[in-house]
Amino acid sequence: MAERTDVLIVGGSMVGLAQALFLAQQGIRSILVERHTHISAHPRAQAASPRTMELMRALGLEQKVRARENPHAQYGDILQVESLTGRELGRFDGPFRHDPNEVSTTGWTLIGQDRFEPVLRAKAEELGADIRFATEMVSYEQDADGVTAVLRDVRGGEETEVEAAYLVAADGFRSTVRDGLGIGTHGQGVFGRQMNVIFHAALDPYVAERRFFLCFVSNDRVKGVLGRLDDGDRWVLAPSLPPEETHAAYSEEDCVAMVRAAVGVPDLDVAVESSTSWEVAARIADRFRSGRVFLAGDAAHVMPPTGGFGGNMGVQDAHNLAWKLAAVLRGQADPALLDTYEEERVPVAEFTVEQGVIRYLQRSGLDEEVAARHRPETTVLFGHVYRSGGVLAESGGEDGPPVEDPTQPSGRPGARAPHVELRVGGVDTPLHDLLRGGWWLLAGPDAGLWERAAAQVSRLTGLVVDFHRVGGEEPVETVEGFLKKYGITTGGAVLVRPDGFVAWRAAGQPADPAVELSAVVHRLLGRPA
């Protein structure tokens, strides 16, 4: 007899684990399958972005993630050298651990996927996700009612049939699910390959008290990045390779030679632990959905590593999709809500991939036209503006650029809800700390009727809409900042979606807020009035 679950997730790296976690946060059952027997030892993505950390804070995981930061992460500096013992070419600031622009209450955490993924897995399992490593999906079929898949234990060969309402493919840039659906990709293609060599060597004498997070090495023998993986002698070297080569072309002796060249010590004692390689490319799937199957992470978009946007954008895919799947599975929303996943995430992917490419090409120089399209990191991470059926756009807001400057927020529907410190129960609390998978109605100080409206909508729809009146406890300067950032008057209100984006706003208080809000929620969720 087939097992049943709400969502089947294929792929157990950062994005798949995040998808399981965000679904579990919503109370949705999922089974995640990953053909590898354990989490990869290779760091791959080297940092969790401020937006990712914002989501981790809401789950109570910020300190657990920071506790697993990479060695030397607290230093932040990035070093450029000919070799570790050679001439220093430059030094610049790495990612900030706290947002200097005050767009968010948190900042980057310098943590490799090998350290981050166990945190995601542990929390997802704690909340009820069924995560199965050493398990592969060998086939599946979908119809109008759901997805039926065959899973195989890669160690023993036993097969299991699973029935799910939906399938999320987070199976990487070589996604077999995407290819099986006949979904093509577009973009600038392959720029090169990067290799990861994990090795053991006593490098402290050559670090020579210098403090850095990453060290870029460039000489006649090797060009790549050197980083420390633990407090001992375990390091990773990520050299650049020609597009046509993989790590399979390099013997252990070749790897040792590259490490010695990167350090600048010809007779250095080196023990190679493992190596792997991957494409440096820019590709976007032509579609992010086919029926009951959704693509997320590298299955949907691939970009150069410069900027650290790729894996983090996949986490945002998962977060965007999770609340929508939950609303549909609970019967709160029409299935048409799921169309908004592709409508919202494709423009974000197009923009972010381009920004990753621009940063990658900067190393060899950019022409003026390309350089003019460069946008600040804060805009890439926080400036997305969604236009879809999941947002009630205001007059004239249906078209326009896919991003805005989040340091000058508009508060318009489709934009991320601007950061504001609220006082909840006498405690100053960042707004995004409150967004734990539910809806929030935020109102100005003279908007008392909105609270009754939120309660009535919750009662009639089964959709929990929490309420907060800004000005009940907050000081005057906080209230003024809130009204300015969100573009409303003292009687206005904004409805914030579970993913932290503004779904709708009322500049002032209408005659009957309950009727107005009820109509808005029904339109957003595709419910009959």
Protein backbone atom coordinates (compact mmCIF):
# COMPACT_ATOMS: atom_id res chain seq x y z
CA MET A 1 0.00 0.00 0.00
CA ALA A 2 1.33 3.43 -0.97
CA GLU A 3 2.51 5.92 1.65
CA ARG A 4 0.80 9.30 1.58
CA THR A 5 2.14 12.77 2.18
CA ASP A 6 1.26 16.32 1.23
CA VAL A 7 4.48 17.24 -0.59
CA LEU A 8 7.32 15.10 -1.94
CA ILE A 9 10.66 16.94 -2.13
CA VAL A 10 13.45 15.61 -4.35
CA GLY A 11 16.90 16.82 -3.29
CA GLY A 12 18.40 17.14 0.18
CA SER A 13 20.82 20.06 -0.09
CA MET A 14 20.21 23.56 1.25
CA VAL A 15 17.10 24.34 -0.81
CA GLY A 16 15.37 20.98 -0.38
CA LEU A 17 16.01 21.03 3.37
CA ALA A 18 14.72 24.62 3.56
CA GLN A 19 11.59 23.56 1.69
CA ALA A 20 10.97 20.75 4.18
CA LEU A 21 11.57 23.17 7.04
CA PHE A 22 9.23 25.91 5.79
CA LEU A 23 6.49 23.38 5.04
CA ALA A 24 6.86 21.87 8.51
CA GLN A 25 6.64 25.38 9.96
CA GLN A 26 3.26 25.60 8.23
CA GLY A 27 2.18 22.21 9.61
CA ILE A 28 2.36 20.55 6.18
CA ARG A 29 3.61 16.96 5.89
CA SER A 30 6.48 16.29 3.53
CA ILE A 31 8.83 13.51 2.57
CA LEU A 32 12.27 14.57 1.35
CA VAL A 33 14.44 12.10 -0.57
CA GLU A 34 18.15 12.47 -1.27
CA ARG A 35 20.15 9.80 -3.10
CA HIS A 36 23.39 10.59 -1.27
CA THR A 37 23.87 8.89 2.08
CA HIS A 38 24.79 12.05 4.00
CA ILE A 39 25.13 15.82 3.74
CA SER A 40 28.03 16.83 1.53
CA ALA A 41 31.35 17.63 3.22
CA HIS A 42 32.05 20.35 0.63
CA PRO A 43 31.14 23.89 1.71
CA ARG A 44 29.87 25.05 -1.73
CA ALA A 45 27.80 28.16 -0.87
CA GLN A 46 29.89 30.03 1.68
CA ALA A 47 27.38 32.31 3.40
CA ALA A 48 23.78 32.77 4.50
CA SER A 49 22.53 36.14 3.31
CA PRO A 50 20.79 38.72 5.51
CA ARG A 51 17.43 37.76 3.95
CA THR A 52 18.07 34.07 4.69
CA MET A 53 19.10 34.97 8.23
CA GLU A 54 15.92 37.02 8.61
CA LEU A 55 13.97 33.82 7.96
CA MET A 56 16.18 31.87 10.35
CA ARG A 57 15.52 34.44 13.10
CA ALA A 58 11.76 33.93 12.75
CA LEU A 59 12.37 30.20 13.27
CA GLY A 60 14.52 30.84 16.34
CA LEU A 61 17.62 29.56 14.53
CA GLU A 62 19.80 32.65 14.15
CA GLN A 63 22.10 31.85 17.08
CA LYS A 64 22.36 28.18 16.14
CA VAL A 65 23.44 29.14 12.62
CA ARG A 66 25.92 31.73 13.84
CA ALA A 67 27.36 29.24 16.33
CA ARG A 68 28.40 27.07 13.36
CA GLU A 69 30.09 29.85 11.39
CA ASN A 70 33.27 29.05 9.51
CA PRO A 71 36.58 29.52 11.35
CA HIS A 72 37.83 33.10 10.89
CA ALA A 73 34.28 34.14 9.92
CA GLN A 74 34.27 36.83 12.58
CA TYR A 75 37.10 38.59 10.79
CA GLY A 76 35.14 39.14 7.60
CA ASP A 77 38.17 40.34 5.59
CA ILE A 78 38.90 38.96 2.14
CA LEU A 79 42.55 38.74 1.17
CA GLN A 80 44.06 38.80 -2.35
CA VAL A 81 47.56 37.34 -2.75
CA GLU A 82 49.89 35.75 -5.28
CA SER A 83 50.16 32.90 -2.78
CA LEU A 84 49.70 32.56 0.94
CA THR A 85 53.45 33.19 1.41
CA GLY A 86 53.72 35.55 -1.55
CA ARG A 87 52.95 39.17 -2.30
CA GLU A 88 49.69 40.62 -0.96
CA LEU A 89 47.66 42.18 -3.77
CA GLY A 90 44.79 43.64 -1.79
CA ARG A 91 42.41 43.36 1.12
CA PHE A 92 38.78 44.36 1.37
CA ASP A 93 35.82 43.99 3.69
CA GLY A 94 33.83 40.82 3.51
CA PRO A 95 30.06 40.57 4.12
CA PHE A 96 28.76 42.48 7.12
CA ARG A 97 27.43 40.50 10.07
CA HIS A 98 24.96 43.33 10.72
CA ASP A 99 23.11 45.27 8.05
CA PRO A 100 24.80 48.67 7.74
CA ASN A 101 21.80 50.08 5.84
CA GLU A 102 19.24 49.20 8.55
CA VAL A 103 17.08 47.46 5.97
CA SER A 104 17.08 44.34 8.16
CA THR A 105 17.77 43.54 11.78
CA THR A 106 20.43 40.99 10.84
CA GLY A 107 23.29 40.50 8.39
CA TRP A 108 25.41 37.88 6.67
CA THR A 109 26.50 34.71 8.43
CA LEU A 110 29.69 33.29 6.95
CA ILE A 111 28.81 29.61 6.95
CA GLY A 112 29.34 26.91 4.34
CA GLN A 113 26.53 24.62 3.28
CA ASP A 114 28.26 21.73 5.03
CA ARG A 115 27.72 23.57 8.33
CA PHE A 116 24.36 25.16 7.53
CA GLU A 117 22.48 22.15 6.18
CA PRO A 118 22.62 20.10 9.42
CA VAL A 119 20.88 22.99 11.22
CA LEU A 120 18.10 23.05 8.61
CA ARG A 121 17.72 19.29 8.73
CA ALA A 122 17.55 19.09 12.52
CA LYS A 123 14.88 21.78 12.78
CA ALA A 124 12.82 20.34 9.91
CA GLU A 125 12.82 16.90 11.53
CA GLU A 126 11.99 18.42 14.90
CA LEU A 127 8.89 20.00 13.31
CA GLY A 128 7.84 16.72 11.69
CA ALA A 129 9.46 16.54 8.24
CA ASP A 130 10.31 13.01 7.03
CA ILE A 131 13.84 13.26 5.61
CA ARG A 132 15.31 10.21 3.91
CA PHE A 133 18.91 10.21 2.74
CA ALA A 134 20.20 7.25 0.69
CA THR A 135 16.83 7.28 -1.06
CA GLU A 136 16.20 8.17 -4.69
CA MET A 137 13.09 8.79 -6.71
CA VAL A 138 13.28 6.39 -9.64
CA SER A 139 10.03 7.38 -11.36
CA TYR A 140 6.84 9.37 -10.89
CA GLU A 141 3.58 10.17 -12.60
CA GLN A 142 1.25 13.08 -12.09
CA ASP A 143 -2.42 13.55 -12.87
CA ALA A 144 -5.18 15.96 -11.89
CA ASP A 145 -5.34 14.50 -8.39
CA GLY A 146 -1.69 14.28 -7.39
CA VAL A 147 1.71 12.68 -7.86
CA THR A 148 2.58 9.01 -7.49
CA ALA A 149 6.29 8.25 -7.14
CA VAL A 150 8.47 5.18 -6.71
CA LEU A 151 11.31 5.57 -4.20
CA ARG A 152 14.28 3.24 -3.85
CA ASP A 153 16.64 2.72 -0.93
CA VAL A 154 20.05 2.98 -2.61
CA ARG A 155 21.69 0.66 -0.08
CA GLY A 156 19.24 -2.22 -0.02
CA GLY A 157 17.27 -1.70 -3.21
CA GLU A 158 13.83 -1.83 -1.57
CA GLU A 159 11.18 0.20 -3.37
CA THR A 160 8.31 2.18 -1.91
CA GLU A 161 5.37 3.89 -3.59
CA VAL A 162 4.43 7.35 -2.32
CA GLU A 163 1.38 9.43 -3.17
CA ALA A 164 1.64 13.19 -2.74
CA ALA A 165 -0.44 16.19 -3.68
CA TYR A 166 2.60 18.06 -5.04
CA LEU A 167 6.26 17.52 -5.88
CA VAL A 168 9.09 20.03 -5.44
CA ALA A 169 12.22 19.39 -7.48
CA ALA A 170 15.26 20.75 -5.64
CA ASP A 171 17.60 18.31 -7.35
CA GLY A 172 20.24 20.74 -8.55
CA PHE A 173 21.47 22.21 -11.81
CA ARG A 174 21.46 18.79 -13.49
CA SER A 175 17.83 18.30 -12.44
CA THR A 176 16.49 15.04 -13.82
CA VAL A 177 12.98 16.13 -12.89
CA ARG A 178 13.29 19.32 -14.95
CA ASP A 179 14.77 17.45 -17.89
CA GLY A 180 12.10 14.76 -17.68
CA LEU A 181 9.41 17.43 -17.91
CA GLY A 182 11.02 18.78 -21.08
CA ILE A 183 11.64 22.18 -19.51
CA GLY A 184 14.54 23.91 -21.21
CA THR A 185 16.84 26.62 -19.91
CA HIS A 186 18.07 29.95 -21.22
CA GLY A 187 20.87 32.31 -20.26
CA GLN A 188 24.51 33.04 -20.98
CA GLY A 189 25.60 29.46 -20.41
CA VAL A 190 28.90 28.19 -19.01
CA PHE A 191 31.73 30.57 -18.07
CA GLY A 192 34.02 27.90 -16.65
CA ARG A 193 34.28 25.29 -13.92
CA GLN A 194 35.33 25.45 -10.32
CA MET A 195 36.91 22.65 -8.36
CA ASN A 196 36.80 22.09 -4.61
CA VAL A 197 39.77 20.30 -3.03
CA ILE A 198 39.39 19.52 0.67
CA PHE A 199 42.80 18.90 2.20
CA HIS A 200 44.72 18.77 5.46
CA ALA A 201 47.88 20.83 5.94
CA ALA A 202 49.50 22.82 8.74
CA LEU A 203 49.12 26.34 7.33
CA ASP A 204 49.21 28.41 10.52
CA PRO A 205 52.89 29.37 10.04
CA TYR A 206 52.04 30.74 6.59
CA VAL A 207 48.86 32.52 7.67
CA ALA A 208 51.24 34.49 9.88
CA GLU A 209 48.63 36.02 12.20
CA ARG A 210 46.68 37.49 9.28
CA ARG A 211 42.93 37.41 9.76
CA PHE A 212 40.74 36.67 6.77
CA PHE A 213 37.56 34.84 5.84
CA LEU A 214 38.65 33.91 2.31
CA CYS A 215 41.95 34.26 0.48
CA PHE A 216 41.93 34.75 -3.31
CA VAL A 217 45.09 33.28 -4.85
CA SER A 218 46.39 34.16 -8.31
CA ASN A 219 49.67 33.01 -9.82
CA ASP A 220 50.96 31.17 -12.90
CA ARG A 221 50.10 27.74 -11.45
CA VAL A 222 46.70 28.26 -9.82
CA LYS A 223 43.87 30.77 -9.57
CA GLY A 224 41.29 30.13 -6.90
CA VAL A 225 40.04 30.66 -3.38
CA LEU A 226 41.52 29.31 -0.14
CA GLY A 227 39.47 28.96 3.03
CA ARG A 228 39.67 27.23 6.38
CA LEU A 229 37.07 24.59 7.27
CA ASP A 230 37.71 23.98 10.96
CA ASP A 231 39.89 25.09 13.84
CA GLY A 232 42.58 22.57 12.92
CA ASP A 233 44.35 21.83 9.67
CA ARG A 234 41.35 21.18 7.37
CA TRP A 235 41.13 23.60 4.44
CA VAL A 236 39.51 23.93 1.02
CA LEU A 237 41.05 25.21 -2.18
CA ALA A 238 38.64 26.14 -4.98
CA PRO A 239 40.70 26.56 -8.17
CA SER A 240 39.19 27.69 -11.48
CA LEU A 241 39.20 25.13 -14.31
CA PRO A 242 38.62 25.37 -18.06
CA PRO A 243 34.96 24.74 -19.01
CA GLU A 244 35.71 21.36 -20.59
CA GLU A 245 37.51 19.89 -17.55
CA THR A 246 36.22 18.35 -14.31
CA HIS A 247 37.90 17.21 -11.12
CA ALA A 248 38.13 13.73 -12.64
CA ALA A 249 40.98 15.00 -14.83
CA TYR A 250 43.10 15.78 -11.77
CA SER A 251 44.92 13.13 -9.80
CA GLU A 252 45.68 13.36 -6.11
CA GLU A 253 49.20 14.44 -7.05
CA ASP A 254 47.77 17.22 -9.23
CA CYS A 255 45.64 18.42 -6.32
CA VAL A 256 48.66 18.43 -4.00
CA ALA A 257 50.61 20.45 -6.56
CA MET A 258 47.81 23.05 -6.78
CA VAL A 259 47.65 23.38 -3.00
CA ARG A 260 51.41 23.82 -2.78
CA ALA A 261 51.26 26.50 -5.49
CA ALA A 262 48.43 28.31 -3.67
CA VAL A 263 50.39 28.30 -0.41
CA GLY A 264 53.72 28.99 -2.07
CA VAL A 265 55.59 26.14 -0.36
CA PRO A 266 56.90 23.56 -2.90
CA ASP A 267 57.47 20.78 -0.36
CA LEU A 268 54.36 21.38 1.82
CA ASP A 269 53.00 18.23 3.49
CA VAL A 270 49.44 17.88 2.08
CA ALA A 271 46.83 15.15 2.53
CA VAL A 272 43.91 15.37 0.09
CA GLU A 273 40.56 14.33 1.58
CA SER A 274 38.29 14.69 -1.47
CA SER A 275 37.59 16.75 -4.56
CA THR A 276 34.61 17.72 -6.67
CA SER A 277 33.76 20.27 -9.36
CA TRP A 278 30.84 22.21 -10.72
CA GLU A 279 29.96 24.58 -13.54
CA VAL A 280 30.18 28.34 -13.25
CA ALA A 281 27.19 29.21 -15.39
CA ALA A 282 24.16 31.45 -15.84
CA ARG A 283 20.97 29.58 -16.69
CA ILE A 284 17.28 29.97 -15.88
CA ALA A 285 14.59 27.37 -16.43
CA ASP A 286 12.01 28.37 -19.03
CA ARG A 287 9.27 27.44 -16.58
CA PHE A 288 9.25 26.92 -12.82
CA ARG A 289 6.12 24.79 -12.80
CA SER A 290 4.58 21.93 -14.74
CA GLY A 291 1.24 20.80 -13.34
CA ARG A 292 1.80 19.63 -9.78
CA VAL A 293 5.60 19.82 -10.03
CA PHE A 294 7.60 22.90 -9.01
CA LEU A 295 11.29 23.70 -9.57
CA ALA A 296 13.32 25.40 -6.84
CA GLY A 297 16.94 26.38 -6.32
CA ASP A 298 19.53 25.32 -8.89
CA ALA A 299 16.91 23.25 -10.71
CA ALA A 300 15.27 26.58 -11.56
CA HIS A 301 18.25 28.95 -11.81
CA VAL A 302 22.05 28.83 -11.75
CA MET A 303 24.41 31.79 -11.46
CA PRO A 304 28.09 32.45 -10.78
CA PRO A 305 29.04 32.30 -7.08
CA THR A 306 30.19 35.93 -6.95
CA GLY A 307 27.95 37.77 -4.52
CA GLY A 308 26.69 34.66 -2.74
CA PHE A 309 23.20 34.98 -4.21
CA GLY A 310 22.53 31.52 -5.68
CA GLY A 311 21.81 29.16 -2.79
CA ASN A 312 20.20 31.95 -0.80
CA MET A 313 17.82 32.73 -3.65
CA GLY A 314 16.84 29.06 -3.63
CA VAL A 315 15.93 29.39 0.05
CA GLN A 316 13.66 32.30 -0.91
CA ASP A 317 12.05 30.11 -3.59
CA ALA A 318 11.21 27.57 -0.92
CA HIS A 319 9.84 30.21 1.43
CA ASN A 320 7.68 31.76 -1.28
CA LEU A 321 6.25 28.37 -2.27
CA ALA A 322 5.69 26.92 1.21
CA TRP A 323 2.90 29.22 2.42
CA LYS A 324 1.09 28.96 -0.91
CA LEU A 325 1.15 25.16 -0.87
CA ALA A 326 -0.04 25.27 2.74
CA ALA A 327 -2.96 27.59 1.94
CA VAL A 328 -4.10 25.39 -0.95
CA LEU A 329 -3.65 22.12 0.92
CA ARG A 330 -5.65 23.47 3.87
CA GLY A 331 -8.46 24.52 1.54
CA GLN A 332 -7.99 28.19 2.34
CA ALA A 333 -6.98 29.19 -1.18
CA ASP A 334 -7.87 28.25 -4.72
CA PRO A 335 -5.13 26.20 -6.45
CA ALA A 336 -4.68 29.15 -8.83
CA LEU A 337 -2.65 30.78 -6.03
CA LEU A 338 0.16 28.36 -6.96
CA ASP A 339 0.48 30.06 -10.35
CA THR A 340 1.90 33.06 -8.53
CA TYR A 341 5.06 31.12 -7.60
CA GLU A 342 6.31 31.24 -11.18
CA GLU A 343 4.89 34.72 -11.78
CA GLU A 344 6.85 36.09 -8.84
CA ARG A 345 10.07 34.10 -8.82
CA VAL A 346 10.97 34.13 -12.54
CA PRO A 347 11.51 37.92 -12.70
CA VAL A 348 13.54 37.72 -9.47
CA ALA A 349 15.66 34.95 -11.01
CA GLU A 350 16.25 36.92 -14.22
CA PHE A 351 17.36 39.97 -12.24
CA THR A 352 19.50 38.15 -9.70
CA VAL A 353 21.26 35.94 -12.23
CA GLU A 354 22.20 39.05 -14.19
CA GLN A 355 23.59 40.66 -11.03
CA GLY A 356 25.64 37.54 -10.29
CA VAL A 357 27.05 37.58 -13.83
CA ILE A 358 27.92 41.27 -13.61
CA ARG A 359 29.85 40.68 -10.40
CA TYR A 360 31.64 37.68 -11.90
CA LEU A 361 32.68 39.59 -15.02
CA GLN A 362 33.88 42.58 -13.01
CA ARG A 363 37.14 40.72 -12.43
CA SER A 364 38.02 41.09 -16.11
CA GLY A 365 36.37 44.50 -16.64
CA LEU A 366 32.92 45.56 -17.79
CA ASP A 367 31.82 47.80 -20.61
CA GLU A 368 29.82 50.87 -19.62
CA GLU A 369 26.46 49.46 -20.68
CA VAL A 370 26.81 46.34 -18.51
CA ALA A 371 28.35 48.24 -15.59
CA ALA A 372 25.36 50.62 -15.59
CA ARG A 373 23.06 47.69 -14.76
CA HIS A 374 24.93 46.89 -11.54
CA ARG A 375 22.71 47.27 -8.47
CA PRO A 376 23.79 47.43 -4.80
CA GLU A 377 23.83 44.23 -2.77
CA THR A 378 20.99 45.47 -0.57
CA THR A 379 18.77 45.93 -3.61
CA VAL A 380 19.57 42.44 -4.90
CA LEU A 381 18.73 40.88 -1.54
CA PHE A 382 15.76 42.97 -0.39
CA GLY A 383 14.47 45.05 -3.29
CA HIS A 384 12.24 42.55 -5.11
CA VAL A 385 8.79 43.75 -6.17
CA TYR A 386 6.27 41.04 -6.99
CA ARG A 387 3.48 41.46 -9.53
CA SER A 388 1.04 38.58 -9.55
CA GLY A 389 -2.37 37.44 -8.43
CA GLY A 390 -0.86 37.13 -4.95
CA VAL A 391 -0.67 40.92 -4.71
CA LEU A 392 -3.40 43.55 -5.10
CA ALA A 393 -1.53 46.20 -7.04
CA GLU A 394 -2.53 49.82 -6.81
CA SER A 395 -3.43 51.92 -9.83
CA GLY A 396 -0.35 52.28 -12.00
CA GLY A 397 1.55 49.61 -10.07
CA GLU A 398 0.99 46.73 -12.48
CA ASP A 399 4.12 47.51 -14.49
CA GLY A 400 7.57 48.70 -13.63
CA PRO A 401 11.02 47.43 -12.65
CA PRO A 402 11.29 44.17 -10.68
CA VAL A 403 13.16 45.90 -7.84
CA GLU A 404 13.21 49.07 -5.79
CA ASP A 405 15.82 50.61 -3.49
CA PRO A 406 14.98 49.09 -0.08
CA THR A 407 16.84 51.90 1.70
CA GLN A 408 14.05 54.15 0.38
CA PRO A 409 11.10 51.76 0.73
CA SER A 410 7.73 52.45 -0.85
CA GLY A 411 5.64 50.03 1.20
CA ARG A 412 3.64 49.34 -1.96
CA PRO A 413 1.96 45.99 -2.57
CA GLY A 414 4.44 43.46 -3.94
CA ALA A 415 7.45 44.89 -2.10
CA ARG A 416 9.05 43.32 0.95
CA ALA A 417 7.53 44.77 4.10
CA PRO A 418 10.02 47.43 5.26
CA HIS A 419 11.91 46.70 8.45
CA VAL A 420 10.40 48.34 11.52
CA GLU A 421 10.81 47.74 15.27
CA LEU A 422 7.44 47.07 16.89
CA ARG A 423 6.77 46.92 20.61
CA VAL A 424 4.93 43.70 21.34
CA GLY A 425 4.10 42.86 24.95
CA GLY A 426 6.53 45.53 26.09
CA VAL A 427 9.40 44.05 24.07
CA ASP A 428 10.95 45.72 21.01
CA THR A 429 10.55 43.17 18.22
CA PRO A 430 11.58 43.46 14.56
CA LEU A 431 8.55 42.97 12.30
CA HIS A 432 10.10 40.06 10.40
CA ASP A 433 10.68 38.18 13.66
CA LEU A 434 6.88 37.97 13.93
CA LEU A 435 6.41 36.45 10.48
CA ARG A 436 6.39 32.79 11.43
CA GLY A 437 4.17 31.59 8.60
CA GLY A 438 1.03 33.65 9.17
CA TRP A 439 -0.58 36.87 7.94
CA TRP A 440 -0.31 40.21 9.73
CA LEU A 441 -2.43 43.33 9.49
CA LEU A 442 -0.47 46.40 10.59
CA ALA A 443 -2.44 49.56 11.20
CA GLY A 444 -1.72 53.15 12.13
CA PRO A 445 -2.41 54.62 15.56
CA ASP A 446 -5.95 55.83 14.67
CA ALA A 447 -7.10 52.58 13.10
CA GLY A 448 -8.96 50.84 15.89
CA LEU A 449 -11.64 49.34 13.62
CA TRP A 450 -9.01 47.35 11.74
CA GLU A 451 -8.48 45.04 14.72
CA ARG A 452 -12.13 43.99 14.64
CA ALA A 453 -11.82 43.50 10.88
CA ALA A 454 -8.84 41.15 11.26
CA ALA A 455 -10.69 39.09 13.88
CA GLN A 456 -13.79 38.85 11.69
CA VAL A 457 -11.85 37.74 8.62
CA SER A 458 -10.01 35.10 10.67
CA ARG A 459 -13.31 33.79 12.00
CA LEU A 460 -15.06 33.63 8.62
CA THR A 461 -12.19 32.25 6.51
CA GLY A 462 -10.20 30.13 8.96
CA LEU A 463 -7.16 32.16 7.91
CA VAL A 464 -5.36 33.51 10.95
CA VAL A 465 -4.70 37.23 10.50
CA ASP A 466 -2.76 38.64 13.43
CA PHE A 467 -3.13 42.34 14.18
CA HIS A 468 -0.85 45.06 15.49
CA ARG A 469 -1.67 48.75 15.92
CA VAL A 470 1.52 50.74 15.55
CA GLY A 471 1.30 53.47 18.16
CA GLY A 472 -0.21 51.47 20.95
CA GLU A 473 3.15 51.14 22.69
CA GLU A 474 5.66 52.46 20.17
CA PRO A 475 7.24 55.90 20.61
CA VAL A 476 6.29 58.76 18.28
CA GLU A 477 9.42 58.44 16.14
CA THR A 478 8.69 54.75 15.46
CA VAL A 479 5.10 55.56 14.45
CA GLU A 480 6.24 58.33 12.13
CA GLY A 481 8.84 56.06 10.55
CA PHE A 482 6.27 53.31 10.07
CA LEU A 483 3.75 55.61 8.36
CA LYS A 484 6.43 57.02 6.06
CA LYS A 485 7.90 53.64 5.09
CA TYR A 486 4.49 52.12 4.38
CA GLY A 487 2.92 55.14 2.70
CA ILE A 488 -0.23 55.27 4.84
CA THR A 489 -1.99 57.74 7.13
CA THR A 490 -2.71 57.27 10.82
CA GLY A 491 -5.96 55.47 9.92
CA GLY A 492 -4.49 53.25 7.21
CA ALA A 493 -3.37 49.62 7.26
CA VAL A 494 -1.20 47.13 5.35
CA LEU A 495 -1.69 43.39 4.95
CA VAL A 496 1.60 41.46 5.08
CA ARG A 497 1.79 37.97 3.57
CA PRO A 498 3.38 35.00 5.36
CA ASP A 499 6.56 35.47 3.31
CA GLY A 500 6.98 39.06 4.52
CA PHE A 501 5.77 40.86 1.38
CA VAL A 502 3.04 43.51 1.32
CA ALA A 503 -0.10 42.02 -0.24
CA TRP A 504 -2.30 45.13 -0.01
CA ARG A 505 -2.55 48.47 1.71
CA ALA A 506 -5.21 51.04 2.49
CA ALA A 507 -3.82 54.56 2.76
CA GLY A 508 -6.67 55.55 5.07
CA GLN A 509 -9.54 53.92 6.95
CA PRO A 510 -12.56 53.03 4.79
CA ALA A 511 -16.15 53.28 6.00
CA ASP A 512 -16.28 49.56 6.83
CA PRO A 513 -12.80 48.03 7.31
CA ALA A 514 -14.21 44.52 7.88
CA VAL A 515 -15.99 44.48 4.52
CA GLU A 516 -12.92 45.91 2.79
CA LEU A 517 -10.47 43.45 4.34
CA SER A 518 -12.76 40.48 3.73
CA ALA A 519 -13.03 41.36 0.04
CA VAL A 520 -9.24 41.74 -0.18
CA VAL A 521 -8.50 38.35 1.40
CA HIS A 522 -11.04 36.60 -0.81
CA ARG A 523 -9.48 38.13 -3.94
CA LEU A 524 -5.94 37.26 -2.87
CA LEU A 525 -6.80 33.63 -2.16
CA GLY A 526 -9.22 33.19 -5.05
CA ARG A 527 -12.07 32.39 -2.69
CA PRO A 528 -15.71 32.98 -3.64
CA ALA A 529 -17.07 36.12 -2.01
